[in-house]
Amino acid sequence: MLSNNNTKFIKSLQLKKFRQKERLFIVEGEKNTVELLHSSYKIHSLIISTKFSEKYSGLLKQKSAPITISDEKTISKLGTYQTNEMALAVVEEPSPSEYNNSGFQLILDDIRDPGNLGTIIRIADWYGIKNIICSETTSEFYNPKVISASMGSVFRLNFFRYNLVEFLEKNKNIKVYGALMEGENVHKVKFDKNGFLIIGNESHGINDALLPFITEKVTIPRIGQAESLNAAMATAIICDNVFRDN
């Protein structure tokens, strides 16, 4: 049974300042918890329902994390989901990975919306992209909304947070594609297998300081009357063209 102190501690992790202080974050729901159990992430504690325990007994035996069986009402109140009666995990934030330039990669410049970031992570996972390099102002990787929108993909990718000007200075040998309103029609671009794709801020696009590093500007041709696409939609469309001929 969870103590009041444990309950307060878990609920505190809904706030960024406590996640950063403790280097812990929460994972909610059946789907995301199962993906977590299949990953190499270290679990601090698991709070699960009897139903979840019975359904995934074999998978749970493979992990050494402390497990608390709780009622569905309590589990639902611990997290941010409106409905989560199956599972919630407290997870240790991994140490930063050592950057290894490999394959086609995404560079996210000031992506502030957690839902957009989570969806982009899911898109990257779909297309087999392993590295996402983020600006210092891009949303926190382990925000609950990011994890929710990623649908478990967050546990399969490598994340890096850099000053993007400095990062691109160090990687001038790699072709850089920029998603912009004006550029080459994305359907006609032949993408390098080891390139970078910069996706800019939802409202303001790519930072001016990054524009000199872009070797090829690409755009998604507009046929209808919509004013714009959000960052995740643009990422999906461009990624589909990147890998169409690969």
Protein backbone atom coordinates (compact mmCIF):
# COMPACT_ATOMS: atom_id res chain seq x y z
CA MET A 1 0.00 0.00 0.00
CA LEU A 2 1.23 3.48 -0.84
CA SER A 3 1.92 5.84 2.04
CA ASN A 4 0.80 9.47 1.93
CA ASN A 5 4.43 10.53 1.53
CA ASN A 6 4.91 8.20 -1.44
CA THR A 7 1.73 9.49 -3.02
CA LYS A 8 2.82 13.12 -2.60
CA PHE A 9 6.26 12.32 -3.98
CA ILE A 10 4.89 10.66 -7.10
CA LYS A 11 2.44 13.49 -7.73
CA SER A 12 5.25 16.03 -7.32
CA LEU A 13 6.93 14.51 -10.38
CA GLN A 14 4.20 16.03 -12.51
CA LEU A 15 6.19 19.27 -12.11
CA LYS A 16 9.36 19.90 -14.07
CA LYS A 17 11.34 21.32 -11.14
CA PHE A 18 10.88 18.14 -9.12
CA ARG A 19 11.64 15.88 -12.09
CA GLN A 20 14.89 17.76 -12.62
CA LYS A 21 15.77 17.77 -8.93
CA GLU A 22 15.18 14.03 -8.48
CA ARG A 23 16.17 13.00 -12.03
CA LEU A 24 13.01 10.91 -12.08
CA PHE A 25 9.93 10.97 -14.29
CA ILE A 26 6.61 9.18 -14.49
CA VAL A 27 5.24 6.83 -17.14
CA GLU A 28 1.51 6.24 -17.25
CA GLY A 29 -0.87 3.78 -18.83
CA GLU A 30 -0.75 0.18 -19.98
CA LYS A 31 0.84 0.76 -23.40
CA ASN A 32 3.66 3.02 -22.22
CA THR A 33 4.41 0.90 -19.15
CA VAL A 34 4.72 -2.25 -21.27
CA GLU A 35 7.08 -0.42 -23.66
CA LEU A 36 9.08 0.72 -20.63
CA LEU A 37 9.34 -2.85 -19.34
CA HIS A 38 10.80 -3.92 -22.68
CA SER A 39 13.41 -1.14 -22.53
CA SER A 40 16.72 -0.76 -20.72
CA TYR A 41 15.48 2.18 -18.62
CA LYS A 42 15.92 1.68 -14.89
CA ILE A 43 12.62 1.65 -13.01
CA HIS A 44 12.54 3.23 -9.57
CA SER A 45 9.12 1.86 -8.66
CA LEU A 46 5.99 0.39 -10.24
CA ILE A 47 2.41 0.89 -9.08
CA ILE A 48 0.14 -1.51 -10.90
CA SER A 49 -3.32 -3.00 -10.71
CA THR A 50 -4.01 -6.68 -10.08
CA LYS A 51 -5.21 -6.92 -13.68
CA PHE A 52 -1.91 -5.57 -15.01
CA SER A 53 0.04 -7.86 -12.69
CA GLU A 54 -1.77 -10.94 -13.97
CA LYS A 55 -1.70 -9.91 -17.63
CA TYR A 56 2.07 -9.19 -17.68
CA SER A 57 3.35 -11.50 -14.96
CA GLY A 58 6.09 -12.95 -17.18
CA LEU A 59 7.36 -9.54 -18.23
CA LEU A 60 7.32 -8.23 -14.67
CA LYS A 61 9.47 -11.12 -13.48
CA GLN A 62 12.25 -9.91 -15.79
CA LYS A 63 12.51 -6.62 -13.85
CA SER A 64 13.84 -6.10 -10.34
CA ALA A 65 11.91 -2.90 -9.66
CA PRO A 66 9.86 -2.57 -6.45
CA ILE A 67 6.22 -3.29 -7.26
CA THR A 68 3.15 -2.07 -5.40
CA ILE A 69 -0.25 -3.55 -6.21
CA SER A 70 -2.83 -0.82 -5.86
CA ASP A 71 -6.48 -0.26 -6.61
CA GLU A 72 -7.46 1.29 -9.90
CA LYS A 73 -8.85 4.46 -8.34
CA THR A 74 -5.55 5.23 -6.60
CA ILE A 75 -3.53 4.63 -9.77
CA SER A 76 -5.80 6.95 -11.72
CA LYS A 77 -5.26 9.76 -9.19
CA LEU A 78 -1.46 9.50 -9.17
CA GLY A 79 -0.76 10.69 -12.70
CA THR A 80 -1.92 13.18 -15.29
CA TYR A 81 -4.12 10.90 -17.41
CA GLN A 82 -7.86 11.34 -17.04
CA THR A 83 -8.22 7.57 -17.21
CA ASN A 84 -5.40 5.25 -16.19
CA GLU A 85 -6.42 2.28 -14.11
CA MET A 86 -3.64 -0.12 -15.05
CA ALA A 87 -0.14 1.10 -14.27
CA LEU A 88 2.19 3.94 -13.38
CA ALA A 89 5.97 3.81 -13.15
CA VAL A 90 8.56 6.09 -11.60
CA VAL A 91 11.63 5.93 -13.83
CA GLU A 92 15.22 7.09 -13.51
CA GLU A 93 16.32 9.62 -16.12
CA PRO A 94 19.23 8.02 -18.02
CA SER A 95 22.66 9.60 -18.14
CA PRO A 96 23.23 11.57 -21.35
CA SER A 97 24.35 9.34 -24.20
CA GLU A 98 27.64 9.98 -25.95
CA TYR A 99 26.82 11.42 -29.34
CA ASN A 100 27.53 9.10 -32.23
CA ASN A 101 26.85 10.39 -35.72
CA SER A 102 24.80 7.67 -37.37
CA GLY A 103 22.25 7.72 -40.17
CA PHE A 104 19.67 10.38 -40.92
CA GLN A 105 18.97 12.55 -37.87
CA LEU A 106 16.51 15.19 -36.71
CA ILE A 107 17.49 18.56 -35.29
CA LEU A 108 14.67 20.26 -33.41
CA ASP A 109 14.97 24.00 -32.99
CA ASP A 110 12.84 25.42 -30.17
CA ILE A 111 9.97 22.92 -30.35
CA ARG A 112 7.98 24.13 -27.35
CA ASP A 113 4.81 22.04 -27.54
CA PRO A 114 5.24 18.70 -25.65
CA GLY A 115 2.58 17.00 -27.75
CA ASN A 116 4.40 18.00 -30.94
CA LEU A 117 7.71 16.73 -29.54
CA GLY A 118 6.20 13.41 -28.49
CA THR A 119 4.62 12.93 -31.90
CA ILE A 120 7.91 13.77 -33.64
CA ILE A 121 9.65 11.15 -31.49
CA ARG A 122 7.05 8.61 -32.57
CA ILE A 123 7.52 9.58 -36.23
CA ALA A 124 11.29 9.25 -35.91
CA ASP A 125 10.88 5.78 -34.40
CA TRP A 126 8.57 4.77 -37.25
CA TYR A 127 11.20 5.70 -39.83
CA GLY A 128 14.09 4.16 -37.90
CA ILE A 129 15.75 7.45 -36.94
CA LYS A 130 17.79 6.90 -33.79
CA ASN A 131 19.15 10.36 -32.90
CA ILE A 132 17.22 13.52 -32.11
CA ILE A 133 19.29 16.63 -31.40
CA CYS A 134 17.41 19.40 -29.64
CA SER A 135 18.05 23.05 -28.94
CA GLU A 136 18.36 24.15 -25.34
CA THR A 137 14.88 25.69 -25.55
CA THR A 138 13.09 22.61 -26.91
CA SER A 139 10.57 20.98 -24.57
CA GLU A 140 11.77 18.62 -21.85
CA PHE A 141 12.17 15.04 -23.12
CA TYR A 142 10.46 13.43 -20.10
CA ASN A 143 7.47 15.71 -19.79
CA PRO A 144 4.38 13.46 -19.24
CA LYS A 145 2.75 14.85 -22.39
CA VAL A 146 5.85 14.02 -24.44
CA ILE A 147 5.89 10.45 -23.15
CA SER A 148 2.17 10.05 -23.75
CA ALA A 149 2.33 11.35 -27.33
CA SER A 150 5.37 9.22 -28.14
CA MET A 151 3.43 6.02 -27.34
CA GLY A 152 6.55 4.30 -26.03
CA SER A 153 8.90 5.44 -28.79
CA VAL A 154 10.74 7.67 -26.30
CA PHE A 155 12.38 4.54 -24.87
CA ARG A 156 13.99 3.55 -28.18
CA LEU A 157 15.71 6.77 -29.29
CA ASN A 158 18.79 8.75 -28.28
CA PHE A 159 18.26 12.37 -27.24
CA PHE A 160 20.81 15.16 -27.14
CA ARG A 161 20.47 18.77 -26.03
CA TYR A 162 23.01 21.22 -27.44
CA ASN A 163 23.62 24.77 -28.45
CA LEU A 164 22.71 24.13 -32.09
CA VAL A 165 25.09 26.70 -33.57
CA GLU A 166 28.01 25.04 -31.79
CA PHE A 167 26.76 21.57 -32.74
CA LEU A 168 26.46 22.42 -36.43
CA GLU A 169 29.88 24.10 -36.40
CA LYS A 170 31.35 20.78 -35.28
CA ASN A 171 29.46 18.79 -37.91
CA LYS A 172 29.98 20.84 -41.08
CA ASN A 173 30.78 17.72 -43.09
CA ILE A 174 27.17 16.55 -42.92
CA LYS A 175 24.49 17.86 -45.27
CA VAL A 176 21.84 19.92 -43.52
CA TYR A 177 18.25 20.14 -44.79
CA GLY A 178 16.00 22.88 -43.44
CA ALA A 179 12.20 22.77 -43.45
CA LEU A 180 11.20 26.23 -44.66
CA MET A 181 8.29 27.96 -46.36
CA GLU A 182 10.45 28.58 -49.42
CA GLY A 183 12.80 25.99 -50.86
CA GLU A 184 13.05 22.97 -53.15
CA ASN A 185 9.87 20.92 -53.49
CA VAL A 186 10.35 18.08 -51.00
CA HIS A 187 9.03 15.58 -53.53
CA LYS A 188 11.94 16.36 -55.86
CA VAL A 189 14.78 16.36 -53.31
CA LYS A 190 17.27 13.48 -53.23
CA PHE A 191 18.19 13.16 -49.56
CA ASP A 192 21.55 11.93 -48.28
CA LYS A 193 21.30 8.91 -46.00
CA ASN A 194 23.41 10.62 -43.34
CA GLY A 195 21.91 14.10 -43.39
CA PHE A 196 20.41 16.35 -40.74
CA LEU A 197 16.86 17.69 -41.00
CA ILE A 198 16.15 20.89 -39.04
CA ILE A 199 12.56 21.41 -37.92
CA GLY A 200 11.87 24.88 -36.54
CA ASN A 201 9.62 26.42 -33.93
CA GLU A 202 5.86 25.98 -34.40
CA SER A 203 5.26 29.72 -34.80
CA HIS A 204 8.55 31.28 -35.88
CA GLY A 205 10.28 28.58 -37.91
CA ILE A 206 14.03 28.01 -37.87
CA ASN A 207 16.20 30.43 -35.90
CA ASP A 208 18.04 32.91 -38.13
CA ALA A 209 21.36 31.91 -36.56
CA LEU A 210 20.96 28.39 -38.01
CA LEU A 211 20.13 29.42 -41.57
CA PRO A 212 23.79 29.73 -42.74
CA PHE A 213 24.33 26.04 -41.88
CA ILE A 214 21.50 24.83 -44.12
CA THR A 215 22.86 23.35 -47.34
CA GLU A 216 19.45 22.65 -48.89
CA LYS A 217 16.15 24.33 -48.11
CA VAL A 218 13.12 22.11 -48.57
CA THR A 219 9.45 22.96 -48.58
CA ILE A 220 6.18 21.04 -48.66
CA PRO A 221 4.13 22.38 -51.58
CA ARG A 222 0.77 23.79 -50.56
CA ILE A 223 -2.16 22.94 -52.82
CA GLY A 224 -5.10 24.04 -50.66
CA GLN A 225 -5.73 27.06 -48.42
CA ALA A 226 -4.37 25.94 -45.03
CA GLU A 227 -2.04 28.58 -43.60
CA SER A 228 0.55 26.15 -42.24
CA LEU A 229 1.36 22.67 -40.94
CA ASN A 230 2.42 22.00 -37.38
CA ALA A 231 5.94 20.76 -36.70
CA ALA A 232 4.97 17.10 -36.31
CA MET A 233 2.97 17.02 -39.56
CA ALA A 234 5.83 18.64 -41.47
CA THR A 235 8.31 16.18 -39.97
CA ALA A 236 6.20 13.20 -41.04
CA ILE A 237 5.79 14.41 -44.62
CA ILE A 238 9.48 15.19 -45.07
CA CYS A 239 10.61 11.94 -43.42
CA ASP A 240 8.39 9.97 -45.78
CA ASN A 241 10.22 11.57 -48.70
CA VAL A 242 13.62 11.04 -47.08
CA PHE A 243 13.08 7.29 -46.87
CA ARG A 244 10.93 6.74 -49.94
CA ASP A 245 13.84 5.67 -52.12
CA ASN A 246 16.05 4.18 -49.38
